[in-house]
Amino acid sequence: MEELKHQAIEFLKNKYDYDEEDLEDIELEIHWKGEGLYCFRVLGFITEYCVEHITEIFENETGVDYRIFLGDEKVIEQTKQKLLNRNNFVYAIYKVYGFNNVSLVDVEYSDDPIDKEDENWLGYSIQEIREMDNQEFYQFLKDYERLLFLI
């Protein structure tokens, strides 16, 4: 962590021509998660800087565990099971606006299968989470996080 802090300070000195006096006013927060790739987050505010592990930034931006994005089958299965603990089926309801233009508008939890052919679902695409491949599930979780934020 000390090496990371040193590198961050050196970067700031070089990037902004800070001298030792300037550095005394800087607040540098480091979110240490062990060895790995770190980046500045919210870089550019006057005297506050944060250095975070790249996985932390990814998860903060997407709301999704980075291991799901990387295809970790164990984490994917655990996450699906958490969603299925409430009911037997979890359906993603997408509004279809055109070819390849869909938007998640609802998530239905049900103990019984949904009849996808029901005329009430005209203009929608419905997908049960167990039917999703890894990329579709990642995108669903990302969209679901945004949908919850809007509610």
C-alpha atoms as a PDB file:
ATOM      1  CA  MET A   1       0.000   0.000   0.000  1.00  0.00           C
ATOM      2  CA  GLU A   2       2.870   2.362   0.727  1.00  0.00           C
ATOM      3  CA  GLU A   3       4.262   1.784  -2.769  1.00  0.00           C
ATOM      4  CA  LEU A   4       0.858   2.575  -4.293  1.00  0.00           C
ATOM      5  CA  LYS A   5       0.599   5.749  -2.217  1.00  0.00           C
ATOM      6  CA  HIS A   6       4.094   6.771  -3.321  1.00  0.00           C
ATOM      7  CA  GLN A   7       3.238   6.155  -6.997  1.00  0.00           C
ATOM      8  CA  ALA A   8      -0.004   8.129  -6.673  1.00  0.00           C
ATOM      9  CA  ILE A   9       1.796  11.102  -5.126  1.00  0.00           C
ATOM     10  CA  GLU A  10       4.496  10.994  -7.806  1.00  0.00           C
ATOM     11  CA  PHE A  11       1.805  10.944 -10.490  1.00  0.00           C
ATOM     12  CA  LEU A  12       0.098  13.998  -8.981  1.00  0.00           C
ATOM     13  CA  LYS A  13       3.412  15.832  -8.663  1.00  0.00           C
ATOM     14  CA  ASN A  14       4.246  15.196 -12.317  1.00  0.00           C
ATOM     15  CA  LYS A  15       0.747  15.716 -13.724  1.00  0.00           C
ATOM     16  CA  TYR A  16      -0.045  18.952 -11.898  1.00  0.00           C
ATOM     17  CA  ASP A  17       3.435  20.258 -11.078  1.00  0.00           C
ATOM     18  CA  TYR A  18       2.668  20.056  -7.368  1.00  0.00           C
ATOM     19  CA  ASP A  19       5.473  20.931  -5.003  1.00  0.00           C
ATOM     20  CA  GLU A  20       5.838  19.627  -1.438  1.00  0.00           C
ATOM     21  CA  GLU A  21       3.735  22.493  -0.049  1.00  0.00           C
ATOM     22  CA  ASP A  22       0.878  21.694  -2.461  1.00  0.00           C
ATOM     23  CA  LEU A  23       1.001  18.033  -1.456  1.00  0.00           C
ATOM     24  CA  GLU A  24       0.370  18.911   2.192  1.00  0.00           C
ATOM     25  CA  ASP A  25      -3.134  20.124   1.258  1.00  0.00           C
ATOM     26  CA  ILE A  26      -4.045  17.015  -0.741  1.00  0.00           C
ATOM     27  CA  GLU A  27      -6.337  14.375   0.680  1.00  0.00           C
ATOM     28  CA  LEU A  28      -5.454  11.008  -0.827  1.00  0.00           C
ATOM     29  CA  GLU A  29      -7.749   8.114  -0.018  1.00  0.00           C
ATOM     30  CA  ILE A  30      -6.627   4.627  -1.026  1.00  0.00           C
ATOM     31  CA  HIS A  31      -9.047   1.699  -1.115  1.00  0.00           C
ATOM     32  CA  TRP A  32      -6.574  -1.144  -0.700  1.00  0.00           C
ATOM     33  CA  LYS A  33      -7.686  -4.601  -1.884  1.00  0.00           C
ATOM     34  CA  GLY A  34      -4.291  -6.221  -2.217  1.00  0.00           C
ATOM     35  CA  GLU A  35      -2.100  -6.335  -5.271  1.00  0.00           C
ATOM     36  CA  GLY A  36      -3.657  -5.478  -8.606  1.00  0.00           C
ATOM     37  CA  LEU A  37      -4.532  -2.667 -10.955  1.00  0.00           C
ATOM     38  CA  TYR A  38      -5.532   0.642  -9.361  1.00  0.00           C
ATOM     39  CA  CYS A  39      -6.898   3.840 -10.882  1.00  0.00           C
ATOM     40  CA  PHE A  40      -7.706   7.343  -9.759  1.00  0.00           C
ATOM     41  CA  ARG A  41     -11.390   7.882  -9.323  1.00  0.00           C
ATOM     42  CA  VAL A  42     -12.926  11.361  -9.378  1.00  0.00           C
ATOM     43  CA  LEU A  43      -9.504  12.662 -10.373  1.00  0.00           C
ATOM     44  CA  GLY A  44      -9.532  16.364 -10.994  1.00  0.00           C
ATOM     45  CA  PHE A  45     -11.302  17.710  -7.941  1.00  0.00           C
ATOM     46  CA  ILE A  46      -9.235  20.371  -6.321  1.00  0.00           C
ATOM     47  CA  THR A  47      -7.567  18.586  -3.403  1.00  0.00           C
ATOM     48  CA  GLU A  48      -9.387  15.273  -2.955  1.00  0.00           C
ATOM     49  CA  TYR A  49      -8.204  12.169  -4.742  1.00  0.00           C
ATOM     50  CA  CYS A  50      -9.186   8.548  -4.422  1.00  0.00           C
ATOM     51  CA  VAL A  51      -7.299   5.523  -5.699  1.00  0.00           C
ATOM     52  CA  GLU A  52      -9.397   2.381  -6.085  1.00  0.00           C
ATOM     53  CA  HIS A  53      -8.837  -1.144  -7.277  1.00  0.00           C
ATOM     54  CA  ILE A  54     -10.160  -1.580 -10.815  1.00  0.00           C
ATOM     55  CA  THR A  55     -12.647  -4.268  -9.687  1.00  0.00           C
ATOM     56  CA  GLU A  56     -14.115  -1.852  -7.130  1.00  0.00           C
ATOM     57  CA  ILE A  57     -14.573   0.789  -9.818  1.00  0.00           C
ATOM     58  CA  PHE A  58     -16.200  -1.782 -12.123  1.00  0.00           C
ATOM     59  CA  GLU A  59     -18.630  -2.918  -9.428  1.00  0.00           C
ATOM     60  CA  ASN A  60     -19.481   0.654  -8.407  1.00  0.00           C
ATOM     61  CA  GLU A  61     -20.204   1.632 -12.005  1.00  0.00           C
ATOM     62  CA  THR A  62     -22.182  -1.473 -13.020  1.00  0.00           C
ATOM     63  CA  GLY A  63     -23.624  -2.721  -9.744  1.00  0.00           C
ATOM     64  CA  VAL A  64     -22.482  -6.208 -10.768  1.00  0.00           C
ATOM     65  CA  ASP A  65     -19.821  -8.470  -9.280  1.00  0.00           C
ATOM     66  CA  TYR A  66     -16.854  -8.394 -11.677  1.00  0.00           C
ATOM     67  CA  ARG A  67     -16.604 -12.204 -11.498  1.00  0.00           C
ATOM     68  CA  ILE A  68     -19.958 -12.492 -13.286  1.00  0.00           C
ATOM     69  CA  PHE A  69     -18.599 -10.372 -16.139  1.00  0.00           C
ATOM     70  CA  LEU A  70     -15.574 -12.696 -16.304  1.00  0.00           C
ATOM     71  CA  GLY A  71     -17.852 -15.757 -16.508  1.00  0.00           C
ATOM     72  CA  ASP A  72     -17.217 -17.303 -13.073  1.00  0.00           C
ATOM     73  CA  GLU A  73     -19.806 -20.113 -13.188  1.00  0.00           C
ATOM     74  CA  LYS A  74     -19.887 -20.575  -9.404  1.00  0.00           C
ATOM     75  CA  VAL A  75     -20.647 -16.892  -8.716  1.00  0.00           C
ATOM     76  CA  ILE A  76     -23.198 -16.798 -11.560  1.00  0.00           C
ATOM     77  CA  GLU A  77     -25.013 -19.829 -10.163  1.00  0.00           C
ATOM     78  CA  GLN A  78     -24.955 -18.425  -6.613  1.00  0.00           C
ATOM     79  CA  THR A  79     -26.373 -15.108  -7.826  1.00  0.00           C
ATOM     80  CA  LYS A  80     -29.148 -16.835  -9.781  1.00  0.00           C
ATOM     81  CA  GLN A  81     -30.004 -18.923  -6.709  1.00  0.00           C
ATOM     82  CA  LYS A  82     -30.266 -15.779  -4.558  1.00  0.00           C
ATOM     83  CA  LEU A  83     -32.798 -14.384  -7.013  1.00  0.00           C
ATOM     84  CA  LEU A  84     -34.675 -17.693  -7.155  1.00  0.00           C
ATOM     85  CA  ASN A  85     -34.923 -18.012  -3.360  1.00  0.00           C
ATOM     86  CA  ARG A  86     -38.054 -15.847  -3.388  1.00  0.00           C
ATOM     87  CA  ASN A  87     -39.996 -17.761  -6.034  1.00  0.00           C
ATOM     88  CA  ASN A  88     -39.680 -20.631  -8.492  1.00  0.00           C
ATOM     89  CA  PHE A  89     -39.280 -18.362 -11.514  1.00  0.00           C
ATOM     90  CA  VAL A  90     -37.678 -14.974 -12.153  1.00  0.00           C
ATOM     91  CA  TYR A  91     -38.540 -13.349 -15.462  1.00  0.00           C
ATOM     92  CA  ALA A  92     -36.893 -10.363 -17.089  1.00  0.00           C
ATOM     93  CA  ILE A  93     -39.500  -8.331 -18.974  1.00  0.00           C
ATOM     94  CA  TYR A  94     -38.049  -6.318 -21.840  1.00  0.00           C
ATOM     95  CA  LYS A  95     -39.945  -3.754 -23.908  1.00  0.00           C
ATOM     96  CA  VAL A  96     -39.106  -4.282 -27.574  1.00  0.00           C
ATOM     97  CA  TYR A  97     -38.610  -1.049 -29.515  1.00  0.00           C
ATOM     98  CA  GLY A  98     -37.062  -2.596 -32.595  1.00  0.00           C
ATOM     99  CA  PHE A  99     -34.449  -5.077 -33.709  1.00  0.00           C
ATOM    100  CA  ASN A 100     -31.704  -5.177 -31.067  1.00  0.00           C
ATOM    101  CA  ASN A 101     -33.389  -2.300 -29.216  1.00  0.00           C
ATOM    102  CA  VAL A 102     -34.876  -3.584 -25.966  1.00  0.00           C
ATOM    103  CA  SER A 103     -35.093  -2.169 -22.478  1.00  0.00           C
ATOM    104  CA  LEU A 104     -35.655  -3.967 -19.174  1.00  0.00           C
ATOM    105  CA  VAL A 105     -38.902  -2.577 -17.761  1.00  0.00           C
ATOM    106  CA  ASP A 106     -39.806  -5.075 -15.054  1.00  0.00           C
ATOM    107  CA  VAL A 107     -38.775  -8.227 -13.231  1.00  0.00           C
ATOM    108  CA  GLU A 108     -41.506 -10.706 -12.377  1.00  0.00           C
ATOM    109  CA  TYR A 109     -41.128 -13.158  -9.511  1.00  0.00           C
ATOM    110  CA  SER A 110     -43.565 -16.046  -9.852  1.00  0.00           C
ATOM    111  CA  ASP A 111     -44.221 -19.485  -8.436  1.00  0.00           C
ATOM    112  CA  ASP A 112     -45.817 -20.499 -11.746  1.00  0.00           C
ATOM    113  CA  PRO A 113     -44.461 -20.258 -15.286  1.00  0.00           C
ATOM    114  CA  ILE A 114     -45.549 -17.206 -17.269  1.00  0.00           C
ATOM    115  CA  ASP A 115     -47.394 -17.847 -20.524  1.00  0.00           C
ATOM    116  CA  LYS A 116     -45.175 -15.915 -22.921  1.00  0.00           C
ATOM    117  CA  GLU A 117     -47.798 -16.290 -25.662  1.00  0.00           C
ATOM    118  CA  ASP A 118     -50.406 -14.358 -23.641  1.00  0.00           C
ATOM    119  CA  GLU A 119     -51.549 -11.312 -25.633  1.00  0.00           C
ATOM    120  CA  ASN A 120     -50.780  -9.083 -22.637  1.00  0.00           C
ATOM    121  CA  TRP A 121     -47.102  -9.624 -23.436  1.00  0.00           C
ATOM    122  CA  LEU A 122     -47.369  -8.403 -27.049  1.00  0.00           C
ATOM    123  CA  GLY A 123     -44.456  -6.028 -27.679  1.00  0.00           C
ATOM    124  CA  TYR A 124     -42.407  -7.536 -24.868  1.00  0.00           C
ATOM    125  CA  SER A 125     -39.663 -10.094 -24.727  1.00  0.00           C
ATOM    126  CA  ILE A 126     -39.668 -12.331 -21.665  1.00  0.00           C
ATOM    127  CA  GLN A 127     -36.710 -14.351 -20.497  1.00  0.00           C
ATOM    128  CA  GLU A 128     -36.398 -16.549 -17.419  1.00  0.00           C
ATOM    129  CA  ILE A 129     -33.012 -16.092 -15.727  1.00  0.00           C
ATOM    130  CA  ARG A 130     -32.130 -19.801 -15.985  1.00  0.00           C
ATOM    131  CA  GLU A 131     -32.404 -19.469 -19.779  1.00  0.00           C
ATOM    132  CA  MET A 132     -29.824 -16.663 -19.909  1.00  0.00           C
ATOM    133  CA  ASP A 133     -26.249 -17.252 -20.975  1.00  0.00           C
ATOM    134  CA  ASN A 134     -23.497 -15.560 -18.972  1.00  0.00           C
ATOM    135  CA  GLN A 135     -23.424 -12.379 -21.064  1.00  0.00           C
ATOM    136  CA  GLU A 136     -27.212 -12.041 -21.012  1.00  0.00           C
ATOM    137  CA  PHE A 137     -27.250 -12.561 -17.241  1.00  0.00           C
ATOM    138  CA  TYR A 138     -24.542  -9.937 -16.733  1.00  0.00           C
ATOM    139  CA  GLN A 139     -26.505  -7.455 -18.869  1.00  0.00           C
ATOM    140  CA  PHE A 140     -29.703  -8.312 -16.974  1.00  0.00           C
ATOM    141  CA  LEU A 141     -28.030  -7.612 -13.611  1.00  0.00           C
ATOM    142  CA  LYS A 142     -26.624  -4.340 -14.896  1.00  0.00           C
ATOM    143  CA  ASP A 143     -30.031  -3.279 -16.221  1.00  0.00           C
ATOM    144  CA  TYR A 144     -31.764  -4.531 -13.057  1.00  0.00           C
ATOM    145  CA  GLU A 145     -29.465  -2.387 -10.904  1.00  0.00           C
ATOM    146  CA  ARG A 146     -30.411   0.679 -12.992  1.00  0.00           C
ATOM    147  CA  LEU A 147     -34.099  -0.246 -12.866  1.00  0.00           C
ATOM    148  CA  LEU A 148     -33.991  -0.468  -9.053  1.00  0.00           C
ATOM    149  CA  PHE A 149     -32.240   2.895  -8.941  1.00  0.00           C
ATOM    150  CA  LEU A 150     -35.080   4.478 -10.951  1.00  0.00           C
ATOM    151  CA  ILE A 151     -37.829   3.075  -8.739  1.00  0.00           C
END
